[in-house]
PDB file of N, CA and C in Angstrom:
ATOM      1  N   MET A   1     -14.483  23.642  -4.910  1.00  0.00           N
ATOM      2  CA  MET A   1     -14.440  22.333  -4.134  1.00  0.00           C
ATOM      3  C   MET A   1     -13.017  21.831  -3.922  1.00  0.00           C
ATOM      4  N   ALA A   2     -12.848  21.242  -2.628  1.00  0.00           N
ATOM      5  CA  ALA A   2     -11.556  20.834  -2.225  1.00  0.00           C
ATOM      6  C   ALA A   2     -11.307  19.637  -3.042  1.00  0.00           C
ATOM      7  N   ARG A   3     -10.071  19.320  -3.199  1.00  0.00           N
ATOM      8  CA  ARG A   3      -9.572  18.112  -3.799  1.00  0.00           C
ATOM      9  C   ARG A   3      -9.140  17.049  -2.697  1.00  0.00           C
ATOM     10  N   THR A   4      -9.457  15.862  -2.933  1.00  0.00           N
ATOM     11  CA  THR A   4      -8.957  14.721  -1.997  1.00  0.00           C
ATOM     12  C   THR A   4      -7.776  14.307  -2.515  1.00  0.00           C
ATOM     13  N   PRO A   5      -6.644  14.456  -1.468  1.00  0.00           N
ATOM     14  CA  PRO A   5      -5.198  14.031  -2.059  1.00  0.00           C
ATOM     15  C   PRO A   5      -5.303  12.604  -2.382  1.00  0.00           C
ATOM     16  N   GLU A   6      -4.529  12.295  -3.423  1.00  0.00           N
ATOM     17  CA  GLU A   6      -4.520  10.945  -3.939  1.00  0.00           C
ATOM     18  C   GLU A   6      -3.334  10.156  -3.252  1.00  0.00           C
ATOM     19  N   ARG A   7      -3.505   8.793  -3.181  1.00  0.00           N
ATOM     20  CA  ARG A   7      -2.764   8.101  -2.696  1.00  0.00           C
ATOM     21  C   ARG A   7      -2.308   7.034  -3.956  1.00  0.00           C
ATOM     22  N   GLY A   8      -1.314   6.128  -3.610  1.00  0.00           N
ATOM     23  CA  GLY A   8      -1.252   5.125  -4.630  1.00  0.00           C
ATOM     24  C   GLY A   8      -0.353   3.800  -4.189  1.00  0.00           C
ATOM     25  N   LEU A   9      -0.467   2.742  -5.099  1.00  0.00           N
ATOM     26  CA  LEU A   9       0.406   1.796  -4.797  1.00  0.00           C
ATOM     27  C   LEU A   9       0.783   1.387  -6.175  1.00  0.00           C
ATOM     28  N   SER A  10       2.261   0.965  -6.232  1.00  0.00           N
ATOM     29  CA  SER A  10       2.561   0.324  -7.386  1.00  0.00           C
ATOM     30  C   SER A  10       3.106  -1.203  -7.061  1.00  0.00           C
ATOM     31  N   ILE A  11       2.313  -2.059  -7.571  1.00  0.00           N
ATOM     32  CA  ILE A  11       2.683  -3.512  -6.957  1.00  0.00           C
ATOM     33  C   ILE A  11       3.353  -4.085  -8.294  1.00  0.00           C
ATOM     34  N   HIS A  12       4.588  -4.607  -7.851  1.00  0.00           N
ATOM     35  CA  HIS A  12       5.538  -5.307  -8.829  1.00  0.00           C
ATOM     36  C   HIS A  12       5.265  -6.738  -8.555  1.00  0.00           C
ATOM     37  N   PHE A  13       5.053  -7.534  -9.563  1.00  0.00           N
ATOM     38  CA  PHE A  13       5.025  -8.883  -9.382  1.00  0.00           C
ATOM     39  C   PHE A  13       6.046  -9.787  -9.697  1.00  0.00           C
ATOM     40  N   ILE A  14       6.207 -10.975  -9.441  1.00  0.00           N
ATOM     41  CA  ILE A  14       7.450 -11.866  -9.704  1.00  0.00           C
ATOM     42  C   ILE A  14       7.747 -11.860 -11.032  1.00  0.00           C
ATOM     43  N   ASP A  15       6.303 -11.921 -11.875  1.00  0.00           N
ATOM     44  CA  ASP A  15       6.638 -12.185 -13.231  1.00  0.00           C
ATOM     45  C   ASP A  15       6.997 -10.908 -14.179  1.00  0.00           C
ATOM     46  N   GLY A  16       7.463  -9.906 -13.535  1.00  0.00           N
ATOM     47  CA  GLY A  16       7.677  -8.510 -14.012  1.00  0.00           C
ATOM     48  C   GLY A  16       6.825  -7.691 -14.284  1.00  0.00           C
ATOM     49  N   THR A  17       5.337  -8.011 -14.254  1.00  0.00           N
ATOM     50  CA  THR A  17       4.222  -7.184 -14.517  1.00  0.00           C
ATOM     51  C   THR A  17       4.177  -6.022 -13.211  1.00  0.00           C
ATOM     52  N   CYS A  18       3.504  -5.037 -13.452  1.00  0.00           N
ATOM     53  CA  CYS A  18       3.224  -4.089 -12.535  1.00  0.00           C
ATOM     54  C   CYS A  18       1.756  -3.547 -12.592  1.00  0.00           C
ATOM     55  N   LEU A  19       1.194  -3.531 -11.418  1.00  0.00           N
ATOM     56  CA  LEU A  19      -0.221  -2.930 -11.232  1.00  0.00           C
ATOM     57  C   LEU A  19      -0.217  -1.591 -10.611  1.00  0.00           C
ATOM     58  N   LYS A  20      -0.550  -0.680 -11.049  1.00  0.00           N
ATOM     59  CA  LYS A  20      -0.665   0.836 -10.308  1.00  0.00           C
ATOM     60  C   LYS A  20      -2.175   0.914  -9.786  1.00  0.00           C
ATOM     61  N   VAL A  21      -2.317   1.158  -8.495  1.00  0.00           N
ATOM     62  CA  VAL A  21      -3.612   1.486  -7.912  1.00  0.00           C
ATOM     63  C   VAL A  21      -3.597   2.963  -7.448  1.00  0.00           C
ATOM     64  N   ALA A  22      -4.470   3.712  -7.695  1.00  0.00           N
ATOM     65  CA  ALA A  22      -4.777   5.256  -7.154  1.00  0.00           C
ATOM     66  C   ALA A  22      -6.048   5.096  -6.256  1.00  0.00           C
ATOM     67  N   PHE A  23      -5.801   5.940  -5.116  1.00  0.00           N
ATOM     68  CA  PHE A  23      -7.127   5.945  -4.156  1.00  0.00           C
ATOM     69  C   PHE A  23      -7.050   7.168  -3.458  1.00  0.00           C
ATOM     70  N   PRO A  24      -8.104   7.490  -2.901  1.00  0.00           N
ATOM     71  CA  PRO A  24      -7.979   8.626  -1.970  1.00  0.00           C
ATOM     72  C   PRO A  24      -7.667   8.615  -0.551  1.00  0.00           C
ATOM     73  N   LEU A  25      -7.124   9.413  -0.017  1.00  0.00           N
ATOM     74  CA  LEU A  25      -6.524   9.202   1.424  1.00  0.00           C
ATOM     75  C   LEU A  25      -7.587   8.712   2.136  1.00  0.00           C
ATOM     76  N   GLN A  26      -6.927   7.625   2.904  1.00  0.00           N
ATOM     77  CA  GLN A  26      -7.775   6.852   4.056  1.00  0.00           C
ATOM     78  C   GLN A  26      -7.551   7.670   5.273  1.00  0.00           C
ATOM     79  N   GLU A  27      -8.660   8.408   5.703  1.00  0.00           N
ATOM     80  CA  GLU A  27      -8.531   9.303   6.764  1.00  0.00           C
ATOM     81  C   GLU A  27      -8.255   8.811   8.142  1.00  0.00           C
ATOM     82  N   ASP A  28      -8.593   7.866   8.497  1.00  0.00           N
ATOM     83  CA  ASP A  28      -8.317   7.374   9.963  1.00  0.00           C
ATOM     84  C   ASP A  28      -6.999   6.813   9.999  1.00  0.00           C
ATOM     85  N   ASN A  29      -6.196   7.273  10.835  1.00  0.00           N
ATOM     86  CA  ASN A  29      -4.742   6.780  11.158  1.00  0.00           C
ATOM     87  C   ASN A  29      -4.680   5.351  11.779  1.00  0.00           C
ATOM     88  N   TYR A  30      -5.493   5.267  12.814  1.00  0.00           N
ATOM     89  CA  TYR A  30      -5.485   4.059  13.580  1.00  0.00           C
ATOM     90  C   TYR A  30      -6.116   2.892  12.711  1.00  0.00           C
ATOM     91  N   LYS A  31      -7.331   3.071  11.755  1.00  0.00           N
ATOM     92  CA  LYS A  31      -7.656   2.256  10.964  1.00  0.00           C
ATOM     93  C   LYS A  31      -6.672   1.721  10.033  1.00  0.00           C
ATOM     94  N   ARG A  32      -5.815   2.710   9.428  1.00  0.00           N
ATOM     95  CA  ARG A  32      -4.732   2.355   8.522  1.00  0.00           C
ATOM     96  C   ARG A  32      -3.726   1.236   9.203  1.00  0.00           C
ATOM     97  N   MET A  33      -3.395   1.887  10.448  1.00  0.00           N
ATOM     98  CA  MET A  33      -2.353   0.905  11.123  1.00  0.00           C
ATOM     99  C   MET A  33      -2.994  -0.590  11.229  1.00  0.00           C
ATOM    100  N   LEU A  34      -4.059  -0.576  11.549  1.00  0.00           N
ATOM    101  CA  LEU A  34      -4.873  -2.057  11.779  1.00  0.00           C
ATOM    102  C   LEU A  34      -4.885  -2.678  10.402  1.00  0.00           C
ATOM    103  N   MET A  35      -5.235  -1.936   9.472  1.00  0.00           N
ATOM    104  CA  MET A  35      -5.137  -2.477   8.083  1.00  0.00           C
ATOM    105  C   MET A  35      -3.882  -3.129   7.524  1.00  0.00           C
ATOM    106  N   VAL A  36      -2.807  -2.370   7.926  1.00  0.00           N
ATOM    107  CA  VAL A  36      -1.401  -2.835   7.802  1.00  0.00           C
ATOM    108  C   VAL A  36      -1.157  -4.233   8.329  1.00  0.00           C
ATOM    109  N   GLU A  37      -1.350  -4.069   9.770  1.00  0.00           N
ATOM    110  CA  GLU A  37      -1.103  -5.416  10.494  1.00  0.00           C
ATOM    111  C   GLU A  37      -1.929  -6.611   9.969  1.00  0.00           C
ATOM    112  N   GLU A  38      -3.374  -6.362   9.618  1.00  0.00           N
ATOM    113  CA  GLU A  38      -4.206  -7.447   9.100  1.00  0.00           C
ATOM    114  C   GLU A  38      -3.544  -8.108   7.747  1.00  0.00           C
ATOM    115  N   VAL A  39      -3.124  -6.915   6.878  1.00  0.00           N
ATOM    116  CA  VAL A  39      -2.511  -7.397   5.401  1.00  0.00           C
ATOM    117  C   VAL A  39      -1.470  -8.204   5.718  1.00  0.00           C
ATOM    118  N   LEU A  40      -0.536  -7.961   6.670  1.00  0.00           N
ATOM    119  CA  LEU A  40       0.707  -8.707   6.818  1.00  0.00           C
ATOM    120  C   LEU A  40       0.508  -9.972   7.644  1.00  0.00           C
ATOM    121  N   LYS A  41      -0.694 -10.021   8.392  1.00  0.00           N
ATOM    122  CA  LYS A  41      -1.170 -11.468   8.867  1.00  0.00           C
ATOM    123  C   LYS A  41      -1.529 -12.290   7.873  1.00  0.00           C
ATOM    124  N   LYS A  42      -2.604 -11.858   7.061  1.00  0.00           N
ATOM    125  CA  LYS A  42      -3.201 -12.718   6.193  1.00  0.00           C
ATOM    126  C   LYS A  42      -2.343 -12.883   4.846  1.00  0.00           C
ATOM    127  N   ARG A  43      -1.333 -11.996   4.810  1.00  0.00           N
ATOM    128  CA  ARG A  43      -0.248 -12.263   3.446  1.00  0.00           C
ATOM    129  C   ARG A  43      -1.152 -12.353   2.226  1.00  0.00           C
ATOM    130  N   ALA A  44      -2.205 -11.198   2.354  1.00  0.00           N
ATOM    131  CA  ALA A  44      -2.724 -10.959   0.925  1.00  0.00           C
ATOM    132  C   ALA A  44      -3.352  -9.592   0.961  1.00  0.00           C
ATOM    133  N   LEU A  45      -3.228  -8.729  -0.098  1.00  0.00           N
ATOM    134  CA  LEU A  45      -3.649  -7.519  -0.308  1.00  0.00           C
ATOM    135  C   LEU A  45      -5.171  -7.489  -0.977  1.00  0.00           C
ATOM    136  N   LEU A  46      -5.957  -6.879  -0.164  1.00  0.00           N
ATOM    137  CA  LEU A  46      -7.497  -6.547  -0.915  1.00  0.00           C
ATOM    138  C   LEU A  46      -7.586  -5.462  -1.300  1.00  0.00           C
ATOM    139  N   ILE A  47      -8.211  -5.200  -2.395  1.00  0.00           N
ATOM    140  CA  ILE A  47      -8.428  -3.911  -3.063  1.00  0.00           C
ATOM    141  C   ILE A  47      -9.533  -3.992  -3.508  1.00  0.00           C
ATOM    142  N   GLU A  48     -10.484  -2.958  -3.035  1.00  0.00           N
ATOM    143  CA  GLU A  48     -11.845  -2.677  -3.690  1.00  0.00           C
ATOM    144  C   GLU A  48     -11.756  -1.733  -4.570  1.00  0.00           C
ATOM    145  N   ALA A  49     -12.212  -1.899  -5.937  1.00  0.00           N
ATOM    146  CA  ALA A  49     -12.229  -1.193  -7.206  1.00  0.00           C
ATOM    147  C   ALA A  49     -13.203  -1.509  -8.091  1.00  0.00           C
ATOM    148  N   GLU A  50     -13.746  -0.217  -8.719  1.00  0.00           N
ATOM    149  CA  GLU A  50     -14.766  -0.547  -9.795  1.00  0.00           C
ATOM    150  C   GLU A  50     -15.593  -1.691  -9.605  1.00  0.00           C
ATOM    151  N   GLY A  51     -16.257  -1.725  -8.370  1.00  0.00           N
ATOM    152  CA  GLY A  51     -17.301  -2.591  -7.956  1.00  0.00           C
ATOM    153  C   GLY A  51     -16.872  -4.102  -7.705  1.00  0.00           C
ATOM    154  N   GLY A  52     -15.596  -4.106  -7.430  1.00  0.00           N
ATOM    155  CA  GLY A  52     -15.440  -5.485  -6.923  1.00  0.00           C
ATOM    156  C   GLY A  52     -14.196  -5.546  -6.195  1.00  0.00           C
ATOM    157  N   ILE A  53     -13.683  -6.767  -5.567  1.00  0.00           N
ATOM    158  CA  ILE A  53     -12.402  -6.831  -4.727  1.00  0.00           C
ATOM    159  C   ILE A  53     -11.441  -7.758  -5.561  1.00  0.00           C
ATOM    160  N   ARG A  54     -10.338  -7.091  -5.443  1.00  0.00           N
ATOM    161  CA  ARG A  54      -9.265  -7.867  -5.981  1.00  0.00           C
ATOM    162  C   ARG A  54      -8.238  -8.502  -4.874  1.00  0.00           C
ATOM    163  N   CYS A  55      -8.037  -9.817  -4.745  1.00  0.00           N
ATOM    164  CA  CYS A  55      -7.248 -10.154  -3.693  1.00  0.00           C
ATOM    165  C   CYS A  55      -6.077 -10.651  -4.558  1.00  0.00           C
ATOM    166  N   ILE A  56      -4.939 -10.329  -3.869  1.00  0.00           N
ATOM    167  CA  ILE A  56      -3.432 -10.326  -4.436  1.00  0.00           C
ATOM    168  C   ILE A  56      -2.613 -11.123  -3.312  1.00  0.00           C
ATOM    169  N   PRO A  57      -2.313 -12.420  -3.422  1.00  0.00           N
ATOM    170  CA  PRO A  57      -1.502 -13.109  -2.467  1.00  0.00           C
ATOM    171  C   PRO A  57       0.005 -12.405  -2.374  1.00  0.00           C
ATOM    172  N   PHE A  58       0.581 -12.605  -1.255  1.00  0.00           N
ATOM    173  CA  PHE A  58       1.877 -12.004  -1.172  1.00  0.00           C
ATOM    174  C   PHE A  58       2.896 -12.738  -2.001  1.00  0.00           C
ATOM    175  N   GLU A  59       2.521 -14.122  -2.191  1.00  0.00           N
ATOM    176  CA  GLU A  59       3.485 -14.953  -2.871  1.00  0.00           C
ATOM    177  C   GLU A  59       3.731 -14.750  -4.456  1.00  0.00           C
ATOM    178  N   ASN A  60       2.655 -13.755  -4.834  1.00  0.00           N
ATOM    179  CA  ASN A  60       2.897 -13.343  -6.362  1.00  0.00           C
ATOM    180  C   ASN A  60       3.592 -12.015  -6.407  1.00  0.00           C
ATOM    181  N   ILE A  61       3.868 -11.445  -5.172  1.00  0.00           N
ATOM    182  CA  ILE A  61       4.245  -9.989  -5.168  1.00  0.00           C
ATOM    183  C   ILE A  61       5.998  -9.947  -4.983  1.00  0.00           C
ATOM    184  N   LYS A  62       6.714  -9.313  -5.707  1.00  0.00           N
ATOM    185  CA  LYS A  62       8.049  -8.993  -5.477  1.00  0.00           C
ATOM    186  C   LYS A  62       8.156  -7.808  -4.602  1.00  0.00           C
ATOM    187  N   PHE A  63       7.513  -6.867  -4.812  1.00  0.00           N
ATOM    188  CA  PHE A  63       7.629  -5.566  -3.921  1.00  0.00           C
ATOM    189  C   PHE A  63       6.720  -4.596  -4.200  1.00  0.00           C
ATOM    190  N   ILE A  64       6.086  -3.905  -3.132  1.00  0.00           N
ATOM    191  CA  ILE A  64       5.153  -2.831  -3.466  1.00  0.00           C
ATOM    192  C   ILE A  64       5.713  -1.574  -3.189  1.00  0.00           C
ATOM    193  N   ASN A  65       5.403  -0.485  -3.854  1.00  0.00           N
ATOM    194  CA  ASN A  65       5.924   1.020  -3.573  1.00  0.00           C
ATOM    195  C   ASN A  65       4.522   1.526  -3.205  1.00  0.00           C
ATOM    196  N   ILE A  66       4.504   2.427  -1.933  1.00  0.00           N
ATOM    197  CA  ILE A  66       3.394   3.085  -1.334  1.00  0.00           C
ATOM    198  C   ILE A  66       3.776   4.423  -1.378  1.00  0.00           C
ATOM    199  N   TYR A  67       2.926   5.109  -1.914  1.00  0.00           N
ATOM    200  CA  TYR A  67       3.103   6.810  -2.099  1.00  0.00           C
ATOM    201  C   TYR A  67       1.944   7.706  -1.811  1.00  0.00           C
ATOM    202  N   PRO A  68       2.040   8.899  -1.499  1.00  0.00           N
ATOM    203  CA  PRO A  68       3.209   9.184  -0.716  1.00  0.00           C
ATOM    204  C   PRO A  68       3.054   8.742   0.814  1.00  0.00           C
ATOM    205  N   VAL A  69       3.882   8.858   1.579  1.00  0.00           N
ATOM    206  CA  VAL A  69       3.669   8.307   3.065  1.00  0.00           C
ATOM    207  C   VAL A  69       4.635   8.982   3.807  1.00  0.00           C
ATOM    208  N   ALA A  70       4.287   9.217   5.151  1.00  0.00           N
ATOM    209  CA  ALA A  70       5.150   9.882   6.076  1.00  0.00           C
ATOM    210  C   ALA A  70       5.288   8.998   7.181  1.00  0.00           C
ATOM    211  N   ALA A  71       6.697   9.041   7.422  1.00  0.00           N
ATOM    212  CA  ALA A  71       7.074   8.131   8.551  1.00  0.00           C
ATOM    213  C   ALA A  71       6.193   8.176   9.797  1.00  0.00           C
ATOM    214  N   ALA A  72       5.455   9.308   9.993  1.00  0.00           N
ATOM    215  CA  ALA A  72       4.714   9.118  11.216  1.00  0.00           C
ATOM    216  C   ALA A  72       3.438   8.341  11.124  1.00  0.00           C
ATOM    217  N   GLU A  73       2.939   8.219   9.907  1.00  0.00           N
ATOM    218  CA  GLU A  73       1.836   7.349   9.577  1.00  0.00           C
ATOM    219  C   GLU A  73       2.137   5.864   9.763  1.00  0.00           C
ATOM    220  N   VAL A  74       3.341   5.334   9.576  1.00  0.00           N
ATOM    221  CA  VAL A  74       3.727   4.128   9.758  1.00  0.00           C
ATOM    222  C   VAL A  74       4.843   3.501  10.922  1.00  0.00           C
ATOM    223  N   GLY A  75       4.795   4.685  11.823  1.00  0.00           N
ATOM    224  CA  GLY A  75       6.161   4.613  12.704  1.00  0.00           C
ATOM    225  C   GLY A  75       6.015   3.265  13.575  1.00  0.00           C
ATOM    226  N   GLY A  76       4.972   2.565  13.792  1.00  0.00           N
ATOM    227  CA  GLY A  76       5.023   1.378  14.625  1.00  0.00           C
ATOM    228  C   GLY A  76       5.521   0.078  13.877  1.00  0.00           C
ATOM    229  N   LEU A  77       5.904   0.357  12.432  1.00  0.00           N
ATOM    230  CA  LEU A  77       6.218  -0.794  11.843  1.00  0.00           C
ATOM    231  C   LEU A  77       7.837  -1.039  11.608  1.00  0.00           C
ATOM    232  N   GLY A  78       8.523  -0.204  12.323  1.00  0.00           N
ATOM    233  CA  GLY A  78      10.005  -0.381  12.396  1.00  0.00           C
ATOM    234  C   GLY A  78      10.596   0.076  10.862  1.00  0.00           C
ATOM    235  N   LEU A  79      10.091   1.179  10.511  1.00  0.00           N
ATOM    236  CA  LEU A  79      10.357   1.695   9.081  1.00  0.00           C
ATOM    237  C   LEU A  79      11.798   2.226   9.077  1.00  0.00           C
ATOM    238  N   ILE A  80      12.337   1.781   8.115  1.00  0.00           N
ATOM    239  CA  ILE A  80      13.717   2.669   7.718  1.00  0.00           C
ATOM    240  C   ILE A  80      13.238   3.929   6.854  1.00  0.00           C
ATOM    241  N   THR A  81      13.745   4.989   7.504  1.00  0.00           N
ATOM    242  CA  THR A  81      13.510   6.486   7.053  1.00  0.00           C
ATOM    243  C   THR A  81      14.586   7.012   6.181  1.00  0.00           C
ATOM    244  N   SER A  82      14.153   7.944   5.214  1.00  0.00           N
ATOM    245  CA  SER A  82      15.283   8.738   4.431  1.00  0.00           C
ATOM    246  C   SER A  82      16.123   7.967   3.741  1.00  0.00           C
ATOM    247  N   ALA A  83      15.670   6.824   3.142  1.00  0.00           N
ATOM    248  CA  ALA A  83      16.487   5.806   2.457  1.00  0.00           C
ATOM    249  C   ALA A  83      16.496   6.129   0.896  1.00  0.00           C
ATOM    250  N   GLN A  84      17.455   5.702   0.208  1.00  0.00           N
ATOM    251  CA  GLN A  84      17.723   6.025  -1.181  1.00  0.00           C
ATOM    252  C   GLN A  84      17.730   4.436  -1.849  1.00  0.00           C
ATOM    253  N   ILE A  85      17.163   4.201  -2.839  1.00  0.00           N
ATOM    254  CA  ILE A  85      17.175   2.884  -3.409  1.00  0.00           C
ATOM    255  C   ILE A  85      17.567   2.856  -4.851  1.00  0.00           C
ATOM    256  N   SER A  86      18.490   1.959  -5.322  1.00  0.00           N
ATOM    257  CA  SER A  86      18.782   1.935  -6.557  1.00  0.00           C
ATOM    258  C   SER A  86      19.004   0.720  -7.111  1.00  0.00           C
ATOM    259  N   GLU A  87      18.774   0.335  -8.430  1.00  0.00           N
ATOM    260  CA  GLU A  87      18.623  -0.976  -8.988  1.00  0.00           C
ATOM    261  C   GLU A  87      19.396  -1.065  -9.983  1.00  0.00           C
TER     262      GLU A  87
END
């Protein structure tokens, strides 16, 4: 049986806590681009998991790590590529 590639988010909140979310690859590239645009417009992240929906307002988020991601998948966002981050 073929394994579905996993994707994930690490959502870091202003209060210092972190929420990790794992999910299978969302197949349709066009739908993913529309989803990113919609999330940015609504300023909230909606996650369906474990039979419910979690709504996370951007005002509570410090930053989000999304992995893995290829630059080609989010090319229309003005993405800085090949960066290194240090804290």
